[in-house]
Amino acid sequence: MAAQVDKDSCTGCGVCVDECPVEAIKIENDVAVVDADTCTDCGQCVDACPCEAITL
């Protein structure tokens, strides 16, 4: 299952975008969006998110 973003907690800072090794995350309308088909469930975005807005 791909990483999930809590849209209420996400600030759109982009840290997760920079950390994703497969470029599965982009910022849309100031919120991180994960491409489920590209995400490999590595968890790097979860560890990097300063808002704790991403879960696996």
PDB file of N, CA and C in Angstrom:
ATOM      1  N   MET A   1       0.841  -1.184   0.000  1.00  0.00           N
ATOM      2  CA  MET A   1       0.000   0.000   0.000  1.00  0.00           C
ATOM      3  C   MET A   1       0.885   1.246   0.000  1.00  0.00           C
ATOM      4  N   ALA A   2       0.557   2.199  -0.797  1.00  0.00           N
ATOM      5  CA  ALA A   2       1.344   3.419  -0.937  1.00  0.00           C
ATOM      6  C   ALA A   2       1.215   4.312   0.298  1.00  0.00           C
ATOM      7  N   ALA A   3       2.166   5.197   0.452  1.00  0.00           N
ATOM      8  CA  ALA A   3       2.133   6.166   1.541  1.00  0.00           C
ATOM      9  C   ALA A   3       0.862   6.999   1.438  1.00  0.00           C
ATOM     10  N   GLN A   4       0.313   7.350   2.593  1.00  0.00           N
ATOM     11  CA  GLN A   4      -0.912   8.145   2.666  1.00  0.00           C
ATOM     12  C   GLN A   4      -0.598   9.488   3.313  1.00  0.00           C
ATOM     13  N   VAL A   5      -1.157  10.555   2.765  1.00  0.00           N
ATOM     14  CA  VAL A   5      -0.922  11.897   3.285  1.00  0.00           C
ATOM     15  C   VAL A   5      -2.181  12.406   3.979  1.00  0.00           C
ATOM     16  N   ASP A   6      -2.023  12.859   5.217  1.00  0.00           N
ATOM     17  CA  ASP A   6      -3.121  13.512   5.941  1.00  0.00           C
ATOM     18  C   ASP A   6      -3.155  14.960   5.468  1.00  0.00           C
ATOM     19  N   LYS A   7      -4.116  15.270   4.617  1.00  0.00           N
ATOM     20  CA  LYS A   7      -4.178  16.589   3.990  1.00  0.00           C
ATOM     21  C   LYS A   7      -4.386  17.718   5.003  1.00  0.00           C
ATOM     22  N   ASP A   8      -4.956  17.406   6.157  1.00  0.00           N
ATOM     23  CA  ASP A   8      -5.159  18.427   7.187  1.00  0.00           C
ATOM     24  C   ASP A   8      -3.858  18.762   7.920  1.00  0.00           C
ATOM     25  N   SER A   9      -2.933  17.807   7.956  1.00  0.00           N
ATOM     26  CA  SER A   9      -1.658  18.019   8.655  1.00  0.00           C
ATOM     27  C   SER A   9      -0.545  18.498   7.735  1.00  0.00           C
ATOM     28  N   CYS A  10      -0.645  18.179   6.449  1.00  0.00           N
ATOM     29  CA  CYS A  10       0.406  18.527   5.491  1.00  0.00           C
ATOM     30  C   CYS A  10       0.447  20.030   5.256  1.00  0.00           C
ATOM     31  N   THR A  11       1.664  20.579   5.292  1.00  0.00           N
ATOM     32  CA  THR A  11       1.850  22.019   5.048  1.00  0.00           C
ATOM     33  C   THR A  11       2.381  22.297   3.648  1.00  0.00           C
ATOM     34  N   GLY A  12       2.657  21.243   2.888  1.00  0.00           N
ATOM     35  CA  GLY A  12       3.183  21.420   1.538  1.00  0.00           C
ATOM     36  C   GLY A  12       4.618  21.899   1.494  1.00  0.00           C
ATOM     37  N   CYS A  13       5.388  21.578   2.515  1.00  0.00           N
ATOM     38  CA  CYS A  13       6.765  22.070   2.616  1.00  0.00           C
ATOM     39  C   CYS A  13       7.697  21.478   1.563  1.00  0.00           C
ATOM     40  N   GLY A  14       7.375  20.267   1.057  1.00  0.00           N
ATOM     41  CA  GLY A  14       8.179  19.655   0.013  1.00  0.00           C
ATOM     42  C   GLY A  14       9.327  18.785   0.476  1.00  0.00           C
ATOM     43  N   VAL A  15       9.506  18.619   1.762  1.00  0.00           N
ATOM     44  CA  VAL A  15      10.592  17.782   2.265  1.00  0.00           C
ATOM     45  C   VAL A  15      10.434  16.355   1.750  1.00  0.00           C
ATOM     46  N   CYS A  16       9.219  15.850   1.746  1.00  0.00           N
ATOM     47  CA  CYS A  16       8.965  14.487   1.275  1.00  0.00           C
ATOM     48  C   CYS A  16       9.301  14.334  -0.204  1.00  0.00           C
ATOM     49  N   VAL A  17       9.033  15.365  -0.986  1.00  0.00           N
ATOM     50  CA  VAL A  17       9.349  15.341  -2.418  1.00  0.00           C
ATOM     51  C   VAL A  17      10.846  15.156  -2.612  1.00  0.00           C
ATOM     52  N   ASP A  18      11.632  15.890  -1.829  1.00  0.00           N
ATOM     53  CA  ASP A  18      13.093  15.806  -1.921  1.00  0.00           C
ATOM     54  C   ASP A  18      13.618  14.449  -1.457  1.00  0.00           C
ATOM     55  N   GLU A  19      12.942  13.831  -0.491  1.00  0.00           N
ATOM     56  CA  GLU A  19      13.414  12.563   0.079  1.00  0.00           C
ATOM     57  C   GLU A  19      13.008  11.336  -0.724  1.00  0.00           C
ATOM     58  N   CYS A  20      11.968  11.420  -1.525  1.00  0.00           N
ATOM     59  CA  CYS A  20      11.457  10.248  -2.241  1.00  0.00           C
ATOM     60  C   CYS A  20      12.446   9.797  -3.319  1.00  0.00           C
ATOM     61  N   PRO A  21      12.973   8.563  -3.196  1.00  0.00           N
ATOM     62  CA  PRO A  21      13.972   8.091  -4.161  1.00  0.00           C
ATOM     63  C   PRO A  21      13.390   7.727  -5.530  1.00  0.00           C
ATOM     64  N   VAL A  22      12.075   7.569  -5.618  1.00  0.00           N
ATOM     65  CA  VAL A  22      11.462   7.190  -6.895  1.00  0.00           C
ATOM     66  C   VAL A  22      10.573   8.299  -7.458  1.00  0.00           C
ATOM     67  N   GLU A  23      10.656   9.484  -6.874  1.00  0.00           N
ATOM     68  CA  GLU A  23       9.912  10.661  -7.333  1.00  0.00           C
ATOM     69  C   GLU A  23       8.403  10.402  -7.435  1.00  0.00           C
ATOM     70  N   ALA A  24       7.860   9.750  -6.401  1.00  0.00           N
ATOM     71  CA  ALA A  24       6.438   9.405  -6.380  1.00  0.00           C
ATOM     72  C   ALA A  24       5.577  10.476  -5.723  1.00  0.00           C
ATOM     73  N   ILE A  25       6.201  11.543  -5.229  1.00  0.00           N
ATOM     74  CA  ILE A  25       5.447  12.565  -4.498  1.00  0.00           C
ATOM     75  C   ILE A  25       5.609  13.912  -5.180  1.00  0.00           C
ATOM     76  N   LYS A  26       4.504  14.627  -5.281  1.00  0.00           N
ATOM     77  CA  LYS A  26       4.542  15.992  -5.798  1.00  0.00           C
ATOM     78  C   LYS A  26       3.612  16.845  -4.944  1.00  0.00           C
ATOM     79  N   ILE A  27       3.789  18.143  -5.033  1.00  0.00           N
ATOM     80  CA  ILE A  27       2.941  19.079  -4.296  1.00  0.00           C
ATOM     81  C   ILE A  27       1.883  19.610  -5.253  1.00  0.00           C
ATOM     82  N   GLU A  28       0.616  19.444  -4.867  1.00  0.00           N
ATOM     83  CA  GLU A  28      -0.511  19.970  -5.633  1.00  0.00           C
ATOM     84  C   GLU A  28      -1.416  20.735  -4.677  1.00  0.00           C
ATOM     85  N   ASN A  29      -1.714  21.965  -5.025  1.00  0.00           N
ATOM     86  CA  ASN A  29      -2.576  22.803  -4.180  1.00  0.00           C
ATOM     87  C   ASN A  29      -2.067  22.867  -2.744  1.00  0.00           C
ATOM     88  N   ASP A  30      -0.743  22.990  -2.599  1.00  0.00           N
ATOM     89  CA  ASP A  30      -0.081  23.130  -1.291  1.00  0.00           C
ATOM     90  C   ASP A  30      -0.191  21.896  -0.398  1.00  0.00           C
ATOM     91  N   VAL A  31      -0.389  20.718  -1.003  1.00  0.00           N
ATOM     92  CA  VAL A  31      -0.474  19.473  -0.243  1.00  0.00           C
ATOM     93  C   VAL A  31       0.290  18.393  -1.014  1.00  0.00           C
ATOM     94  N   ALA A  32       0.995  17.530  -0.289  1.00  0.00           N
ATOM     95  CA  ALA A  32       1.711  16.430  -0.917  1.00  0.00           C
ATOM     96  C   ALA A  32       0.725  15.398  -1.453  1.00  0.00           C
ATOM     97  N   VAL A  33       1.030  14.900  -2.655  1.00  0.00           N
ATOM     98  CA  VAL A  33       0.209  13.873  -3.289  1.00  0.00           C
ATOM     99  C   VAL A  33       1.143  12.738  -3.701  1.00  0.00           C
ATOM    100  N   VAL A  34       0.783  11.508  -3.318  1.00  0.00           N
ATOM    101  CA  VAL A  34       1.607  10.339  -3.604  1.00  0.00           C
ATOM    102  C   VAL A  34       1.009   9.565  -4.779  1.00  0.00           C
ATOM    103  N   ASP A  35       1.848   9.265  -5.764  1.00  0.00           N
ATOM    104  CA  ASP A  35       1.440   8.416  -6.881  1.00  0.00           C
ATOM    105  C   ASP A  35       1.566   6.965  -6.418  1.00  0.00           C
ATOM    106  N   ALA A  36       0.430   6.326  -6.173  1.00  0.00           N
ATOM    107  CA  ALA A  36       0.413   4.968  -5.621  1.00  0.00           C
ATOM    108  C   ALA A  36       1.074   3.957  -6.544  1.00  0.00           C
ATOM    109  N   ASP A  37       1.039   4.197  -7.842  1.00  0.00           N
ATOM    110  CA  ASP A  37       1.649   3.261  -8.782  1.00  0.00           C
ATOM    111  C   ASP A  37       3.175   3.330  -8.776  1.00  0.00           C
ATOM    112  N   THR A  38       3.719   4.467  -8.350  1.00  0.00           N
ATOM    113  CA  THR A  38       5.166   4.658  -8.338  1.00  0.00           C
ATOM    114  C   THR A  38       5.772   4.395  -6.956  1.00  0.00           C
ATOM    115  N   CYS A  39       5.028   4.664  -5.900  1.00  0.00           N
ATOM    116  CA  CYS A  39       5.501   4.507  -4.520  1.00  0.00           C
ATOM    117  C   CYS A  39       5.933   3.068  -4.251  1.00  0.00           C
ATOM    118  N   THR A  40       7.101   2.919  -3.614  1.00  0.00           N
ATOM    119  CA  THR A  40       7.640   1.593  -3.285  1.00  0.00           C
ATOM    120  C   THR A  40       7.541   1.275  -1.795  1.00  0.00           C
ATOM    121  N   ASP A  41       6.838   2.088  -1.035  1.00  0.00           N
ATOM    122  CA  ASP A  41       6.640   1.873   0.408  1.00  0.00           C
ATOM    123  C   ASP A  41       7.939   1.846   1.204  1.00  0.00           C
ATOM    124  N   CYS A  42       8.916   2.630   0.777  1.00  0.00           N
ATOM    125  CA  CYS A  42      10.218   2.607   1.456  1.00  0.00           C
ATOM    126  C   CYS A  42      10.181   3.309   2.816  1.00  0.00           C
ATOM    127  N   GLY A  43       9.271   4.269   2.986  1.00  0.00           N
ATOM    128  CA  GLY A  43       9.130   4.953   4.270  1.00  0.00           C
ATOM    129  C   GLY A  43      10.010   6.165   4.468  1.00  0.00           C
ATOM    130  N   GLN A  44      10.820   6.523   3.487  1.00  0.00           N
ATOM    131  CA  GLN A  44      11.699   7.682   3.657  1.00  0.00           C
ATOM    132  C   GLN A  44      10.898   8.966   3.849  1.00  0.00           C
ATOM    133  N   CYS A  45       9.764   9.082   3.185  1.00  0.00           N
ATOM    134  CA  CYS A  45       8.930  10.276   3.333  1.00  0.00           C
ATOM    135  C   CYS A  45       8.329  10.346   4.734  1.00  0.00           C
ATOM    136  N   VAL A  46       7.965   9.194   5.278  1.00  0.00           N
ATOM    137  CA  VAL A  46       7.399   9.151   6.633  1.00  0.00           C
ATOM    138  C   VAL A  46       8.410   9.679   7.639  1.00  0.00           C
ATOM    139  N   ASP A  47       9.641   9.212   7.524  1.00  0.00           N
ATOM    140  CA  ASP A  47      10.701   9.631   8.441  1.00  0.00           C
ATOM    141  C   ASP A  47      11.061  11.106   8.256  1.00  0.00           C
ATOM    142  N   ALA A  48      10.961  11.597   7.036  1.00  0.00           N
ATOM    143  CA  ALA A  48      11.390  12.975   6.734  1.00  0.00           C
ATOM    144  C   ALA A  48      10.340  14.037   7.056  1.00  0.00           C
ATOM    145  N   CYS A  49       9.076  13.664   7.063  1.00  0.00           N
ATOM    146  CA  CYS A  49       8.002  14.653   7.219  1.00  0.00           C
ATOM    147  C   CYS A  49       8.041  15.323   8.591  1.00  0.00           C
ATOM    148  N   PRO A  50       8.257  16.644   8.622  1.00  0.00           N
ATOM    149  CA  PRO A  50       8.321  17.353   9.908  1.00  0.00           C
ATOM    150  C   PRO A  50       6.947  17.502  10.573  1.00  0.00           C
ATOM    151  N   CYS A  51       5.884  17.278   9.820  1.00  0.00           N
ATOM    152  CA  CYS A  51       4.521  17.425  10.343  1.00  0.00           C
ATOM    153  C   CYS A  51       3.888  16.102  10.718  1.00  0.00           C
ATOM    154  N   GLU A  52       4.613  15.008  10.495  1.00  0.00           N
ATOM    155  CA  GLU A  52       4.092  13.669  10.722  1.00  0.00           C
ATOM    156  C   GLU A  52       2.761  13.465   9.989  1.00  0.00           C
ATOM    157  N   ALA A  53       2.697  13.968   8.756  1.00  0.00           N
ATOM    158  CA  ALA A  53       1.477  13.906   7.967  1.00  0.00           C
ATOM    159  C   ALA A  53       1.424  12.710   7.030  1.00  0.00           C
ATOM    160  N   ILE A  54       2.484  11.900   6.982  1.00  0.00           N
ATOM    161  CA  ILE A  54       2.528  10.767   6.056  1.00  0.00           C
ATOM    162  C   ILE A  54       2.647   9.474   6.830  1.00  0.00           C
ATOM    163  N   THR A  55       1.847   8.487   6.412  1.00  0.00           N
ATOM    164  CA  THR A  55       1.884   7.166   7.022  1.00  0.00           C
ATOM    165  C   THR A  55       1.935   6.105   5.933  1.00  0.00           C
ATOM    166  N   LEU A  56       2.369   4.920   6.314  1.00  0.00           N
ATOM    167  CA  LEU A  56       2.361   3.772   5.391  1.00  0.00           C
ATOM    168  C   LEU A  56       1.269   2.811   5.805  1.00  0.00           C
TER     169      LEU A  56
END
